[in-house]
Amino acid sequence: MANSASDARHSELNVRKQLIEAGQVDVMVAVSSNFFYTVTLPVTLWFLDKGKKATDRAEKVLFIDARHTFRQVSRALRDFTPEQHEFLANITRLYRGKEPEFLHGSEPMVKEHFPELEYQDVSGLCKLASIDEIEAQGWSLNPGRYVGNREGETDDFDFIERMSKLAEEFVSLSLEAATLQETVSGIASQLLTDGGIDDDAS
């Protein structure tokens, strides 16, 4: 999903709230820009699990910020190496109480952040948030709101990413404005046609 869906207001907020309260949102992963040939904007991966409500994870959501985890394939394209992909999957495995897998060489990365091979919050990488914490953040599902900055970072500001997000929101708002304008124009035309407004009235 586009990053804006994680923070959008109005009907999108209500949908997020219902999914969260129903215990269906399991893991949210923020991904860097340029991961897709046709979409350059950063995105957020939503992992939903209807069966989570019957587990001890029912009141929690795992947030992973993977915006700094990627391989630069070309100037305009990024991806995950098998090691990085496995590392991110292993964060989720630890959160779910499962054994990590080391088929693609992620063991050093995992042990660097999780030396006991048990899940723990890591600043700038992952955070396990309660529903109360999410409600306090306006039902936002944006990982950046929860994980904080990586150790040694003073600011998580990324100009290109921020401008991309603002551009995306601008396009969305412009489309919404155009739709509203068309609706208002249609209503006004209908009123004139039905004689609800006197054109000669001063």
Protein backbone atom coordinates (compact mmCIF):
# COMPACT_ATOMS: atom_id res chain seq x y z
CA MET A 1 0.00 0.00 0.00
CA ALA A 2 1.07 3.60 -0.52
CA ASN A 3 2.57 5.11 2.63
CA SER A 4 -0.26 7.62 2.83
CA ALA A 5 -2.73 4.80 3.57
CA SER A 6 -0.99 4.26 6.91
CA ASP A 7 -1.77 7.79 8.08
CA ALA A 8 -4.70 8.93 5.94
CA ARG A 9 -7.74 10.39 7.68
CA HIS A 10 -11.46 10.17 7.01
CA SER A 11 -12.73 6.79 5.76
CA GLU A 12 -9.21 5.28 5.63
CA LEU A 13 -8.76 5.97 9.35
CA ASN A 14 -12.02 4.16 10.13
CA VAL A 15 -10.91 1.14 8.10
CA ARG A 16 -7.56 1.01 9.91
CA LYS A 17 -9.25 1.33 13.29
CA GLN A 18 -11.64 -1.54 12.54
CA LEU A 19 -8.83 -3.80 11.33
CA ILE A 20 -6.70 -3.01 14.39
CA GLU A 21 -9.51 -3.46 16.90
CA ALA A 22 -10.47 -6.73 15.21
CA GLY A 23 -6.93 -7.95 15.87
CA GLN A 24 -6.21 -8.59 12.20
CA VAL A 25 -3.17 -6.33 11.65
CA ASP A 26 -0.08 -8.38 12.46
CA VAL A 27 3.01 -6.78 10.91
CA MET A 28 3.66 -3.45 9.16
CA VAL A 29 6.89 -3.03 7.16
CA ALA A 30 8.05 0.31 5.74
CA VAL A 31 10.01 -0.15 2.50
CA SER A 32 12.28 2.33 0.75
CA SER A 33 11.47 4.05 -2.53
CA ASN A 34 12.37 2.61 -5.97
CA PHE A 35 11.44 -1.01 -5.19
CA PHE A 36 9.06 -1.24 -8.15
CA TYR A 37 9.56 -0.54 -11.84
CA THR A 38 6.33 1.42 -12.17
CA VAL A 39 6.14 3.08 -8.73
CA THR A 40 9.04 5.09 -7.31
CA LEU A 41 7.35 6.12 -4.06
CA PRO A 42 8.10 4.30 -0.78
CA VAL A 43 5.43 1.84 0.33
CA THR A 44 4.28 -0.01 3.41
CA LEU A 45 3.66 -3.75 3.40
CA TRP A 46 0.58 -4.80 5.38
CA PHE A 47 0.50 -8.33 6.79
CA LEU A 48 -2.94 -9.29 8.08
CA ASP A 49 -3.76 -12.39 10.11
CA LYS A 50 -7.36 -13.21 11.02
CA GLY A 51 -6.14 -16.03 13.26
CA LYS A 52 -3.99 -13.71 15.38
CA LYS A 53 -6.92 -12.86 17.65
CA ALA A 54 -6.69 -16.32 19.24
CA THR A 55 -3.01 -15.82 20.15
CA ASP A 56 -1.04 -13.77 22.66
CA ARG A 57 -0.32 -11.32 19.82
CA ALA A 58 -3.95 -10.24 19.63
CA GLU A 59 -3.37 -6.84 21.25
CA LYS A 60 -0.06 -6.08 19.52
CA VAL A 61 1.27 -5.02 16.13
CA LEU A 62 4.87 -5.41 15.00
CA PHE A 63 6.32 -2.41 13.17
CA ILE A 64 9.48 -2.83 11.08
CA ASP A 65 11.29 0.08 9.43
CA ALA A 66 13.15 -1.43 6.49
CA ARG A 67 13.71 1.85 4.63
CA HIS A 68 17.46 1.61 5.29
CA THR A 69 17.65 -2.06 4.33
CA PHE A 70 18.12 -2.57 0.60
CA ARG A 71 20.54 -3.33 -2.23
CA GLN A 72 21.01 -0.64 -4.87
CA VAL A 73 20.52 -2.56 -8.12
CA SER A 74 20.70 0.51 -10.35
CA ARG A 75 20.22 4.24 -10.00
CA ALA A 76 16.46 3.80 -10.24
CA LEU A 77 15.91 0.37 -8.69
CA ARG A 78 16.44 -1.25 -5.30
CA ASP A 79 15.69 -4.68 -3.88
CA PHE A 80 16.43 -6.96 -0.91
CA THR A 81 19.29 -9.42 -1.02
CA PRO A 82 18.33 -12.97 0.07
CA GLU A 83 20.21 -12.26 3.32
CA GLN A 84 18.29 -9.04 3.97
CA HIS A 85 14.97 -10.65 3.06
CA GLU A 86 15.66 -13.51 5.47
CA PHE A 87 16.73 -11.07 8.19
CA LEU A 88 13.44 -9.16 7.99
CA ALA A 89 11.49 -12.43 7.97
CA ASN A 90 13.45 -13.58 11.02
CA ILE A 91 12.38 -10.49 12.97
CA THR A 92 8.81 -11.62 12.41
CA ARG A 93 9.66 -15.23 13.32
CA LEU A 94 11.18 -14.10 16.64
CA TYR A 95 8.15 -11.90 17.34
CA ARG A 96 5.91 -14.92 16.76
CA GLY A 97 8.04 -17.08 19.06
CA LYS A 98 9.48 -19.20 16.25
CA GLU A 99 13.03 -20.28 15.51
CA PRO A 100 14.91 -18.08 13.01
CA GLU A 101 16.10 -19.54 9.71
CA PHE A 102 19.64 -19.09 8.44
CA LEU A 103 19.53 -20.57 4.94
CA HIS A 104 20.66 -17.33 3.26
CA GLY A 105 23.34 -16.06 5.62
CA SER A 106 21.34 -13.73 7.86
CA GLU A 107 22.68 -15.17 11.13
CA PRO A 108 25.25 -12.37 11.75
CA MET A 109 22.60 -9.69 11.16
CA VAL A 110 20.12 -11.43 13.44
CA LYS A 111 22.61 -11.97 16.26
CA GLU A 112 23.82 -8.37 16.00
CA HIS A 113 20.34 -7.11 16.90
CA PHE A 114 18.95 -10.12 18.77
CA PRO A 115 21.94 -11.77 20.50
CA GLU A 116 19.71 -14.04 22.60
CA LEU A 117 17.66 -15.00 19.53
CA GLU A 118 14.61 -13.57 21.26
CA TYR A 119 12.55 -10.66 20.03
CA GLN A 120 13.30 -7.23 21.47
CA ASP A 121 12.53 -3.71 20.29
CA VAL A 122 15.46 -2.21 18.36
CA SER A 123 15.54 1.56 17.96
CA GLY A 124 15.23 2.52 14.32
CA LEU A 125 14.41 -1.04 13.22
CA CYS A 126 11.45 -2.61 14.98
CA LYS A 127 8.91 -1.94 17.69
CA LEU A 128 6.10 -4.02 19.18
CA ALA A 129 3.22 -1.64 19.89
CA SER A 130 0.03 -2.20 21.84
CA ILE A 131 -3.39 -1.15 20.60
CA ASP A 132 -3.39 1.60 23.24
CA GLU A 133 -0.16 3.00 21.81
CA ILE A 134 -1.59 2.88 18.30
CA GLU A 135 -4.77 4.64 19.41
CA ALA A 136 -2.62 7.35 21.01
CA GLN A 137 -1.03 7.86 17.59
CA GLY A 138 -4.40 8.44 15.94
CA TRP A 139 -4.64 4.84 14.69
CA SER A 140 -1.60 5.41 12.49
CA LEU A 141 0.09 2.31 11.06
CA ASN A 142 3.20 4.16 9.91
CA PRO A 143 6.25 2.26 11.30
CA GLY A 144 8.26 5.49 11.46
CA ARG A 145 5.98 6.78 14.23
CA TYR A 146 6.92 3.88 16.49
CA VAL A 147 10.44 2.59 15.85
CA GLY A 148 12.25 5.92 16.28
CA ASN A 149 15.73 6.63 14.93
CA ARG A 150 18.57 4.19 14.52
CA GLU A 151 21.36 4.41 17.08
CA GLY A 152 23.57 7.37 16.26
CA GLU A 153 20.96 9.09 14.12
CA THR A 154 19.63 12.45 15.23
CA ASP A 155 17.09 12.87 12.47
CA ASP A 156 15.25 10.44 10.23
CA PHE A 157 14.51 13.17 7.68
CA ASP A 158 14.76 12.03 4.08
CA PHE A 159 14.08 14.97 1.76
CA ILE A 160 13.32 12.92 -1.35
CA GLU A 161 11.06 10.51 0.54
CA ARG A 162 9.26 13.37 2.33
CA MET A 163 8.71 15.24 -0.94
CA SER A 164 7.49 12.03 -2.60
CA LYS A 165 4.97 11.52 0.18
CA LEU A 166 3.80 15.14 -0.02
CA ALA A 167 3.44 14.84 -3.80
CA GLU A 168 1.41 11.65 -3.36
CA GLU A 169 -0.86 13.35 -0.82
CA PHE A 170 -1.23 16.38 -3.08
CA VAL A 171 -2.37 14.20 -5.99
CA SER A 172 -4.83 12.40 -3.71
CA LEU A 173 -6.26 15.66 -2.37
CA SER A 174 -6.47 17.13 -5.88
CA LEU A 175 -8.48 14.14 -7.08
CA GLU A 176 -10.75 14.42 -4.07
CA ALA A 177 -11.24 18.16 -4.72
CA ALA A 178 -12.07 17.51 -8.36
CA THR A 179 -14.63 14.89 -7.34
CA LEU A 180 -16.24 17.26 -4.84
CA GLN A 181 -16.30 20.07 -7.39
CA GLU A 182 -18.02 17.80 -9.90
CA THR A 183 -20.57 16.76 -7.28
CA VAL A 184 -21.34 20.37 -6.29
CA SER A 185 -21.63 21.39 -9.94
CA GLY A 186 -24.02 18.51 -10.57
CA ILE A 187 -26.21 19.49 -7.63
CA ALA A 188 -26.22 23.14 -8.70
CA SER A 189 -27.17 22.20 -12.26
CA GLN A 190 -29.95 19.96 -11.00
CA LEU A 191 -31.34 22.76 -8.82
CA LEU A 192 -31.35 25.17 -11.76
CA THR A 193 -33.04 22.57 -13.97
CA ASP A 194 -35.69 21.80 -11.36
CA GLY A 195 -36.37 25.46 -10.76
CA GLY A 196 -35.03 25.36 -7.24
CA ILE A 197 -33.04 28.54 -7.85
CA ASP A 198 -34.44 31.64 -9.51
CA ASP A 199 -31.88 32.88 -12.02
CA ASP A 200 -33.49 36.34 -12.02
CA ALA A 201 -33.44 36.68 -8.25
CA SER A 202 -31.19 39.48 -7.06
